[in-house]
Amino acid sequence: MRSKSGFTFIEIVLVLVITGILMAVALPRFNFGRNLARTTAKKITNDLRVTRSKAINEGAVYYLQLSQLSPSSPYTEYGIYDSSDTQVWETQVIPPEVTCTASTDVFQFSYLGACNNGVDGTITLVAEGQTHIINITGFTGRAYVP
């Protein structure tokens, strides 16, 4: 009579298949430091939408202002302000690995949601060889990453 010790071939294959499925689902969710420009673009886009929503909901002018260390350097941070220039959101830092340029340093939203008196704008983010552009439609104030 044979002694039964160890695993059968079917058990080992089943464990490997289940492990493979779990890895295929879990690994794409981790950035591993990549896609920094895309992550930053999504964050800034969300903050532009918050600024627009505050302007519409409160019936007042709100704006997102980008800041830079010197006139020729890329933008390093931004804040959200109300019409009396009071900062209503803590300053957000743009990661130093991301180069941020924009068509203007202020994106002002009216109480109707329009941005910069109807003038379209862009924010460009570059990191790790990837470029992501945030488009802001002036007339509607819609911010999106294509």
N, C-alpha and C. Protein backbone atom coordinates (compact mmCIF):
# COMPACT_ATOMS: atom_id res chain seq x y z
N MET A 1 0.84 -1.17 0.00
CA MET A 1 0.00 0.00 0.00
C MET A 1 0.90 1.25 0.00
N ARG A 2 0.54 2.23 -0.84
CA ARG A 2 1.32 3.47 -0.94
C ARG A 2 0.90 4.45 0.15
N SER A 3 1.88 5.15 0.68
CA SER A 3 1.53 6.19 1.66
C SER A 3 1.18 7.47 0.90
N LYS A 4 0.24 8.23 1.43
CA LYS A 4 -0.20 9.46 0.79
C LYS A 4 0.46 10.63 1.49
N SER A 5 1.52 11.15 0.91
CA SER A 5 2.14 12.35 1.45
C SER A 5 2.43 13.29 0.28
N GLY A 6 2.29 14.60 0.52
CA GLY A 6 2.51 15.58 -0.53
C GLY A 6 1.21 15.98 -1.21
N PHE A 7 1.36 16.76 -2.30
CA PHE A 7 0.21 17.28 -3.03
C PHE A 7 0.11 16.60 -4.38
N THR A 8 -1.08 16.49 -4.85
CA THR A 8 -1.27 15.93 -6.19
C THR A 8 -1.00 17.01 -7.22
N PHE A 9 -0.80 16.59 -8.44
CA PHE A 9 -0.54 17.52 -9.54
C PHE A 9 -1.72 18.48 -9.72
N ILE A 10 -2.93 17.99 -9.62
CA ILE A 10 -4.13 18.82 -9.78
C ILE A 10 -4.17 19.90 -8.70
N GLU A 11 -3.83 19.59 -7.47
CA GLU A 11 -3.84 20.58 -6.39
C GLU A 11 -2.83 21.69 -6.65
N ILE A 12 -1.65 21.33 -7.12
CA ILE A 12 -0.62 22.34 -7.41
C ILE A 12 -1.05 23.24 -8.56
N VAL A 13 -1.60 22.66 -9.61
CA VAL A 13 -2.07 23.45 -10.75
C VAL A 13 -3.19 24.40 -10.32
N LEU A 14 -4.10 23.91 -9.50
CA LEU A 14 -5.21 24.74 -9.03
C LEU A 14 -4.70 25.94 -8.21
N VAL A 15 -3.74 25.72 -7.35
CA VAL A 15 -3.16 26.82 -6.56
C VAL A 15 -2.47 27.84 -7.47
N LEU A 16 -1.74 27.35 -8.47
CA LEU A 16 -1.07 28.27 -9.40
C LEU A 16 -2.07 29.07 -10.22
N VAL A 17 -3.15 28.47 -10.64
CA VAL A 17 -4.17 29.19 -11.41
C VAL A 17 -4.82 30.26 -10.56
N ILE A 18 -5.19 29.93 -9.34
CA ILE A 18 -5.82 30.92 -8.45
C ILE A 18 -4.84 32.05 -8.14
N THR A 19 -3.58 31.74 -7.89
CA THR A 19 -2.57 32.77 -7.64
C THR A 19 -2.41 33.67 -8.87
N GLY A 20 -2.40 33.08 -10.05
CA GLY A 20 -2.28 33.87 -11.27
C GLY A 20 -3.44 34.81 -11.47
N ILE A 21 -4.64 34.35 -11.19
CA ILE A 21 -5.82 35.21 -11.32
C ILE A 21 -5.76 36.36 -10.33
N LEU A 22 -5.39 36.09 -9.10
CA LEU A 22 -5.28 37.15 -8.08
C LEU A 22 -4.22 38.17 -8.47
N MET A 23 -3.10 37.72 -9.00
CA MET A 23 -2.04 38.64 -9.41
C MET A 23 -2.49 39.50 -10.60
N ALA A 24 -3.23 38.90 -11.52
CA ALA A 24 -3.71 39.65 -12.69
C ALA A 24 -4.69 40.73 -12.29
N VAL A 25 -5.44 40.50 -11.23
CA VAL A 25 -6.40 41.50 -10.76
C VAL A 25 -5.71 42.55 -9.90
N ALA A 26 -4.78 42.15 -9.06
CA ALA A 26 -4.19 43.06 -8.08
C ALA A 26 -3.07 43.93 -8.64
N LEU A 27 -2.20 43.41 -9.47
CA LEU A 27 -1.03 44.16 -9.93
C LEU A 27 -1.36 45.44 -10.70
N PRO A 28 -2.34 45.45 -11.59
CA PRO A 28 -2.63 46.71 -12.30
C PRO A 28 -3.09 47.83 -11.37
N ARG A 29 -3.54 47.51 -10.19
CA ARG A 29 -4.01 48.54 -9.27
C ARG A 29 -2.86 49.29 -8.60
N PHE A 30 -1.68 48.74 -8.64
CA PHE A 30 -0.52 49.39 -8.04
C PHE A 30 0.20 50.21 -9.09
N ASN A 31 0.55 51.45 -8.74
CA ASN A 31 1.27 52.31 -9.68
C ASN A 31 2.76 52.03 -9.69
N PHE A 32 3.31 51.61 -8.58
CA PHE A 32 4.74 51.38 -8.45
C PHE A 32 5.54 52.60 -8.88
N GLY A 33 5.01 53.79 -8.54
CA GLY A 33 5.71 55.03 -8.85
C GLY A 33 5.52 55.53 -10.26
N ARG A 34 4.82 54.79 -11.10
CA ARG A 34 4.59 55.21 -12.48
C ARG A 34 3.33 56.04 -12.54
N ASN A 35 3.11 56.61 -13.69
CA ASN A 35 1.90 57.38 -13.96
C ASN A 35 1.73 58.59 -13.05
N LEU A 36 2.84 59.17 -12.63
CA LEU A 36 2.79 60.32 -11.73
C LEU A 36 2.11 61.51 -12.39
N ALA A 37 2.36 61.72 -13.67
CA ALA A 37 1.72 62.84 -14.38
C ALA A 37 0.22 62.63 -14.45
N ARG A 38 -0.22 61.41 -14.72
CA ARG A 38 -1.66 61.12 -14.81
C ARG A 38 -2.34 61.30 -13.45
N THR A 39 -1.71 60.81 -12.40
CA THR A 39 -2.27 60.95 -11.06
C THR A 39 -2.38 62.42 -10.66
N THR A 40 -1.35 63.20 -10.96
CA THR A 40 -1.37 64.63 -10.65
C THR A 40 -2.42 65.34 -11.49
N ALA A 41 -2.56 64.96 -12.75
CA ALA A 41 -3.57 65.57 -13.63
C ALA A 41 -4.98 65.30 -13.10
N LYS A 42 -5.22 64.08 -12.64
CA LYS A 42 -6.53 63.76 -12.08
C LYS A 42 -6.81 64.56 -10.82
N LYS A 43 -5.80 64.75 -9.99
CA LYS A 43 -5.98 65.51 -8.76
C LYS A 43 -6.29 66.98 -9.05
N ILE A 44 -5.52 67.57 -9.95
CA ILE A 44 -5.76 68.98 -10.30
C ILE A 44 -7.12 69.13 -10.98
N THR A 45 -7.47 68.20 -11.85
CA THR A 45 -8.78 68.24 -12.51
C THR A 45 -9.90 68.19 -11.47
N ASN A 46 -9.76 67.31 -10.49
CA ASN A 46 -10.76 67.22 -9.43
C ASN A 46 -10.84 68.54 -8.65
N ASP A 47 -9.70 69.15 -8.36
CA ASP A 47 -9.71 70.41 -7.61
C ASP A 47 -10.30 71.55 -8.44
N LEU A 48 -10.10 71.53 -9.75
CA LEU A 48 -10.76 72.52 -10.61
C LEU A 48 -12.28 72.34 -10.56
N ARG A 49 -12.72 71.10 -10.56
CA ARG A 49 -14.16 70.83 -10.48
C ARG A 49 -14.73 71.26 -9.13
N VAL A 50 -13.97 71.05 -8.05
CA VAL A 50 -14.41 71.50 -6.73
C VAL A 50 -14.53 73.02 -6.70
N THR A 51 -13.55 73.71 -7.29
CA THR A 51 -13.58 75.17 -7.34
C THR A 51 -14.81 75.66 -8.10
N ARG A 52 -15.10 75.06 -9.24
CA ARG A 52 -16.27 75.42 -10.03
C ARG A 52 -17.55 75.15 -9.24
N SER A 53 -17.63 74.01 -8.58
CA SER A 53 -18.82 73.67 -7.79
C SER A 53 -19.05 74.66 -6.66
N LYS A 54 -17.97 75.07 -5.99
CA LYS A 54 -18.10 76.05 -4.92
C LYS A 54 -18.63 77.37 -5.46
N ALA A 55 -18.14 77.78 -6.63
CA ALA A 55 -18.61 79.04 -7.23
C ALA A 55 -20.10 78.96 -7.55
N ILE A 56 -20.53 77.85 -8.11
CA ILE A 56 -21.95 77.70 -8.48
C ILE A 56 -22.82 77.60 -7.22
N ASN A 57 -22.42 76.75 -6.28
CA ASN A 57 -23.23 76.51 -5.09
C ASN A 57 -23.36 77.73 -4.19
N GLU A 58 -22.31 78.53 -4.13
CA GLU A 58 -22.33 79.69 -3.24
C GLU A 58 -22.63 80.99 -3.98
N GLY A 59 -22.79 80.93 -5.29
CA GLY A 59 -23.14 82.11 -6.07
C GLY A 59 -22.09 83.20 -5.99
N ALA A 60 -20.82 82.80 -6.00
CA ALA A 60 -19.72 83.76 -5.88
C ALA A 60 -18.57 83.32 -6.78
N VAL A 61 -17.59 84.19 -6.92
CA VAL A 61 -16.41 83.88 -7.73
C VAL A 61 -15.41 83.11 -6.87
N TYR A 62 -14.90 82.02 -7.41
CA TYR A 62 -13.82 81.25 -6.80
C TYR A 62 -12.77 81.02 -7.87
N TYR A 63 -11.52 80.89 -7.45
CA TYR A 63 -10.48 80.64 -8.43
C TYR A 63 -9.40 79.73 -7.89
N LEU A 64 -8.77 79.00 -8.81
CA LEU A 64 -7.61 78.16 -8.50
C LEU A 64 -6.40 78.89 -9.06
N GLN A 65 -5.42 79.13 -8.19
CA GLN A 65 -4.23 79.87 -8.62
C GLN A 65 -3.00 78.99 -8.50
N LEU A 66 -2.27 78.87 -9.61
CA LEU A 66 -1.01 78.14 -9.65
C LEU A 66 0.12 79.07 -9.23
N SER A 67 1.09 78.54 -8.49
CA SER A 67 2.23 79.34 -8.02
C SER A 67 3.53 78.72 -8.50
N GLN A 68 4.51 79.59 -8.74
CA GLN A 68 5.83 79.13 -9.17
C GLN A 68 6.90 79.89 -8.41
N LEU A 69 8.10 79.31 -8.36
CA LEU A 69 9.19 79.94 -7.62
C LEU A 69 9.74 81.16 -8.33
N SER A 70 9.81 81.11 -9.64
CA SER A 70 10.27 82.25 -10.44
C SER A 70 9.47 82.27 -11.73
N PRO A 71 9.43 83.41 -12.43
CA PRO A 71 8.61 83.52 -13.64
C PRO A 71 8.92 82.48 -14.72
N SER A 72 10.15 81.99 -14.78
CA SER A 72 10.51 81.04 -15.84
C SER A 72 10.44 79.58 -15.40
N SER A 73 10.15 79.34 -14.13
CA SER A 73 10.12 77.96 -13.63
C SER A 73 8.72 77.37 -13.73
N PRO A 74 8.63 76.04 -13.70
CA PRO A 74 7.30 75.41 -13.74
C PRO A 74 6.53 75.68 -12.44
N TYR A 75 5.24 75.46 -12.48
CA TYR A 75 4.40 75.66 -11.30
C TYR A 75 4.70 74.57 -10.27
N THR A 76 4.72 74.95 -9.00
CA THR A 76 5.09 74.02 -7.94
C THR A 76 3.94 73.73 -6.97
N GLU A 77 2.93 74.60 -6.93
CA GLU A 77 1.81 74.40 -6.01
C GLU A 77 0.62 75.23 -6.48
N TYR A 78 -0.52 75.00 -5.83
CA TYR A 78 -1.72 75.78 -6.15
C TYR A 78 -2.63 75.82 -4.94
N GLY A 79 -3.51 76.82 -4.97
CA GLY A 79 -4.49 76.98 -3.90
C GLY A 79 -5.82 77.42 -4.48
N ILE A 80 -6.87 77.25 -3.69
CA ILE A 80 -8.21 77.67 -4.09
C ILE A 80 -8.62 78.85 -3.23
N TYR A 81 -9.13 79.91 -3.86
CA TYR A 81 -9.44 81.16 -3.17
C TYR A 81 -10.86 81.61 -3.52
N ASP A 82 -11.44 82.42 -2.63
CA ASP A 82 -12.74 83.02 -2.93
C ASP A 82 -12.55 84.43 -3.46
N SER A 83 -13.64 85.14 -3.71
CA SER A 83 -13.56 86.46 -4.33
C SER A 83 -12.86 87.50 -3.47
N SER A 84 -12.79 87.28 -2.16
CA SER A 84 -12.08 88.22 -1.29
C SER A 84 -10.63 87.80 -1.06
N ASP A 85 -10.11 86.93 -1.93
CA ASP A 85 -8.72 86.44 -1.88
C ASP A 85 -8.40 85.66 -0.61
N THR A 86 -9.41 85.09 0.01
CA THR A 86 -9.20 84.25 1.18
C THR A 86 -9.02 82.81 0.70
N GLN A 87 -7.94 82.18 1.15
CA GLN A 87 -7.70 80.80 0.74
C GLN A 87 -8.70 79.89 1.44
N VAL A 88 -9.44 79.09 0.67
CA VAL A 88 -10.49 78.25 1.22
C VAL A 88 -10.10 76.77 1.20
N TRP A 89 -8.94 76.47 0.69
CA TRP A 89 -8.48 75.09 0.58
C TRP A 89 -6.99 75.12 0.84
N GLU A 90 -6.48 74.13 1.54
CA GLU A 90 -5.05 74.13 1.84
C GLU A 90 -4.24 74.06 0.55
N THR A 91 -3.05 74.63 0.59
CA THR A 91 -2.18 74.65 -0.58
C THR A 91 -1.81 73.22 -0.97
N GLN A 92 -1.94 72.92 -2.24
CA GLN A 92 -1.61 71.59 -2.76
C GLN A 92 -0.27 71.68 -3.48
N VAL A 93 0.64 70.78 -3.16
CA VAL A 93 1.98 70.78 -3.76
C VAL A 93 1.99 69.85 -4.97
N ILE A 94 2.55 70.34 -6.05
CA ILE A 94 2.74 69.52 -7.26
C ILE A 94 4.07 68.79 -7.07
N PRO A 95 4.10 67.47 -7.22
CA PRO A 95 5.35 66.74 -6.99
C PRO A 95 6.50 67.31 -7.81
N PRO A 96 7.70 67.37 -7.23
CA PRO A 96 8.85 67.96 -7.94
C PRO A 96 9.23 67.21 -9.21
N GLU A 97 8.83 65.94 -9.33
CA GLU A 97 9.15 65.17 -10.53
C GLU A 97 8.24 65.55 -11.71
N VAL A 98 7.19 66.31 -11.44
CA VAL A 98 6.23 66.70 -12.46
C VAL A 98 6.49 68.13 -12.90
N THR A 99 6.63 68.34 -14.21
CA THR A 99 6.76 69.68 -14.76
C THR A 99 5.37 70.16 -15.15
N CYS A 100 4.96 71.27 -14.56
CA CYS A 100 3.61 71.79 -14.77
C CYS A 100 3.69 73.16 -15.43
N THR A 101 3.03 73.28 -16.59
CA THR A 101 2.90 74.57 -17.27
C THR A 101 1.42 74.79 -17.57
N ALA A 102 1.05 76.05 -17.77
CA ALA A 102 -0.36 76.35 -18.00
C ALA A 102 -0.51 77.58 -18.89
N SER A 103 -1.70 77.70 -19.49
CA SER A 103 -1.98 78.85 -20.34
C SER A 103 -2.13 80.12 -19.52
N THR A 104 -2.47 79.99 -18.25
CA THR A 104 -2.59 81.12 -17.32
C THR A 104 -2.37 80.59 -15.92
N ASP A 105 -2.03 81.46 -14.99
CA ASP A 105 -1.81 80.97 -13.63
C ASP A 105 -3.07 81.04 -12.76
N VAL A 106 -4.14 81.64 -13.28
CA VAL A 106 -5.39 81.74 -12.52
C VAL A 106 -6.54 81.20 -13.37
N PHE A 107 -7.31 80.29 -12.76
CA PHE A 107 -8.52 79.76 -13.39
C PHE A 107 -9.69 80.18 -12.52
N GLN A 108 -10.36 81.25 -12.95
CA GLN A 108 -11.43 81.89 -12.17
C GLN A 108 -12.79 81.43 -12.68
N PHE A 109 -13.64 80.99 -11.74
CA PHE A 109 -14.97 80.49 -12.08
C PHE A 109 -16.03 81.46 -11.56
N SER A 110 -16.96 81.81 -12.43
CA SER A 110 -18.06 82.69 -12.05
C SER A 110 -19.16 81.88 -11.37
N TYR A 111 -20.15 82.57 -10.85
CA TYR A 111 -21.26 81.89 -10.18
C TYR A 111 -22.10 81.05 -11.14
N LEU A 112 -21.91 81.25 -12.46
CA LEU A 112 -22.58 80.43 -13.45
C LEU A 112 -21.73 79.23 -13.89
N GLY A 113 -20.49 79.17 -13.41
CA GLY A 113 -19.60 78.06 -13.73
C GLY A 113 -18.62 78.32 -14.85
N ALA A 114 -18.76 79.44 -15.55
CA ALA A 114 -17.84 79.75 -16.64
C ALA A 114 -16.45 80.04 -16.09
N CYS A 115 -15.44 79.74 -16.89
CA CYS A 115 -14.06 79.93 -16.45
C CYS A 115 -13.39 81.04 -17.26
N ASN A 116 -12.69 81.92 -16.57
CA ASN A 116 -11.89 82.99 -17.20
C ASN A 116 -12.66 83.74 -18.28
N ASN A 117 -13.88 84.13 -17.96
CA ASN A 117 -14.72 84.91 -18.87
C ASN A 117 -14.90 84.23 -20.23
N GLY A 118 -15.00 82.90 -20.22
CA GLY A 118 -15.27 82.17 -21.45
C GLY A 118 -14.06 81.80 -22.27
N VAL A 119 -12.86 82.07 -21.77
CA VAL A 119 -11.64 81.75 -22.51
C VAL A 119 -11.16 80.36 -22.10
N ASP A 120 -10.94 79.49 -23.10
CA ASP A 120 -10.45 78.14 -22.82
C ASP A 120 -9.03 78.19 -22.25
N GLY A 121 -8.67 77.18 -21.47
CA GLY A 121 -7.34 77.11 -20.90
C GLY A 121 -6.83 75.68 -20.84
N THR A 122 -5.53 75.53 -20.61
CA THR A 122 -4.92 74.21 -20.49
C THR A 122 -3.88 74.21 -19.38
N ILE A 123 -3.71 73.05 -18.79
CA ILE A 123 -2.62 72.79 -17.85
C ILE A 123 -1.92 71.54 -18.38
N THR A 124 -0.61 71.63 -18.57
CA THR A 124 0.16 70.51 -19.10
C THR A 124 1.08 69.97 -18.02
N LEU A 125 1.03 68.65 -17.83
CA LEU A 125 1.85 67.98 -16.83
C LEU A 125 2.72 66.94 -17.52
N VAL A 126 4.03 66.97 -17.23
CA VAL A 126 4.97 66.03 -17.84
C VAL A 126 5.79 65.38 -16.74
N ALA A 127 5.85 64.05 -16.77
CA ALA A 127 6.69 63.29 -15.84
C ALA A 127 6.93 61.91 -16.42
N GLU A 128 8.14 61.41 -16.23
CA GLU A 128 8.50 60.06 -16.63
C GLU A 128 8.18 59.78 -18.09
N GLY A 129 8.39 60.79 -18.95
CA GLY A 129 8.15 60.61 -20.37
C GLY A 129 6.69 60.64 -20.78
N GLN A 130 5.80 60.90 -19.85
CA GLN A 130 4.37 60.97 -20.16
C GLN A 130 3.89 62.40 -20.06
N THR A 131 3.01 62.78 -20.97
CA THR A 131 2.42 64.11 -20.96
C THR A 131 0.91 63.98 -20.83
N HIS A 132 0.34 64.72 -19.90
CA HIS A 132 -1.11 64.76 -19.73
C HIS A 132 -1.54 66.21 -19.74
N ILE A 133 -2.58 66.50 -20.51
CA ILE A 133 -3.08 67.86 -20.65
C ILE A 133 -4.48 67.95 -20.07
N ILE A 134 -4.67 68.90 -19.18
CA ILE A 134 -6.00 69.19 -18.63
C ILE A 134 -6.58 70.31 -19.47
N ASN A 135 -7.74 70.08 -20.04
CA ASN A 135 -8.44 71.12 -20.82
C ASN A 135 -9.54 71.72 -19.95
N ILE A 136 -9.63 73.04 -19.95
CA ILE A 136 -10.69 73.74 -19.25
C ILE A 136 -11.47 74.53 -20.29
N THR A 137 -12.73 74.17 -20.47
CA THR A 137 -13.59 74.85 -21.43
C THR A 137 -14.09 76.15 -20.79
N GLY A 138 -13.76 77.26 -21.41
CA GLY A 138 -14.08 78.55 -20.82
C GLY A 138 -15.56 78.81 -20.62
N PHE A 139 -16.36 78.51 -21.62
CA PHE A 139 -17.77 78.84 -21.57
C PHE A 139 -18.53 78.06 -20.48
N THR A 140 -18.20 76.77 -20.34
CA THR A 140 -18.89 75.93 -19.35
C THR A 140 -18.10 75.71 -18.08
N GLY A 141 -16.78 75.90 -18.14
CA GLY A 141 -15.93 75.65 -16.98
C GLY A 141 -15.58 74.19 -16.80
N ARG A 142 -15.92 73.37 -17.77
CA ARG A 142 -15.66 71.92 -17.67
C ARG A 142 -14.16 71.66 -17.73
N ALA A 143 -13.65 70.90 -16.76
CA ALA A 143 -12.25 70.50 -16.73
C ALA A 143 -12.18 69.00 -16.98
N TYR A 144 -11.31 68.60 -17.92
CA TYR A 144 -11.21 67.18 -18.24
C TYR A 144 -9.84 66.85 -18.81
N VAL A 145 -9.46 65.58 -18.65
CA VAL A 145 -8.23 65.06 -19.25
C VAL A 145 -8.66 64.14 -20.38
N PRO A 146 -8.35 64.48 -21.65
CA PRO A 146 -8.80 63.63 -22.76
C PRO A 146 -8.13 62.27 -22.76
